[in-house]
Amino acid sequence: MSGGGSWRRGVAAFLAMLIASALPAEAAFDETNLRVAARVLGFMERPPSGIVRAGIVYAPDNPRSAADAASLQALLGDGLRVGNVTLQGKLVRINEAAGADVALFLLADDTGGAASRLAEVARAEHKPCITTDLAQVRAGTCAIGVRSQPRVEILVNSAAAAASGVQFSTAFRILITEM
């Protein structure tokens, strides 16, 4: 009878794997999300142009956050050109974000509560923060959230944007979800 129990556990594990693979994956920066983020920058009242250094902020004590940051750095490579902007990445530990020589922050996934430090820096230094972790946008940690799957979604936390000096054109504000 123990063989039957083992078979059932195997089937249950297989079904759990199928269900998990059918659920939407956690959003992370991919090339499409990066392109959407760069396009969003173009709708700022004072849009950046040329080479824009982006601080890829991560929690070094969290392996998933560090891996997401490394993946994002690899995607940016020597620079990702989108319209008038070429994004160049620089890895920035979350506790070293203050004073980092960057024009904006890209918040890696899985930074958790440590991201609140970045919110303070973004406000103090008037730098936009962009992430694919929409929960961080809802919490006010980052001003801008982007996702491209299953459809393009741009979420702006109005309070966080205003506090960090990020202002968008009126036409763009009609197209986004503000909270």
Foldseek 3Di string as FASTA:
>chain_A
DVVVVVVVVVVVVVVVVVVVVPDDDQDADDLVQVLVVLVQLVQWPDRDFDEFEEEAEFAVVDPQRVVSSVVVQVRQPCWDDHPRYTYHYDYDYLVRLAPPPGQAYEYGPPRPPSLQSQLVRLLVQLHAYEYQRVVCQVVLSGQWHWDPPPHTAIEGAVVSNVSSVTHGDPVVVVVHHYD
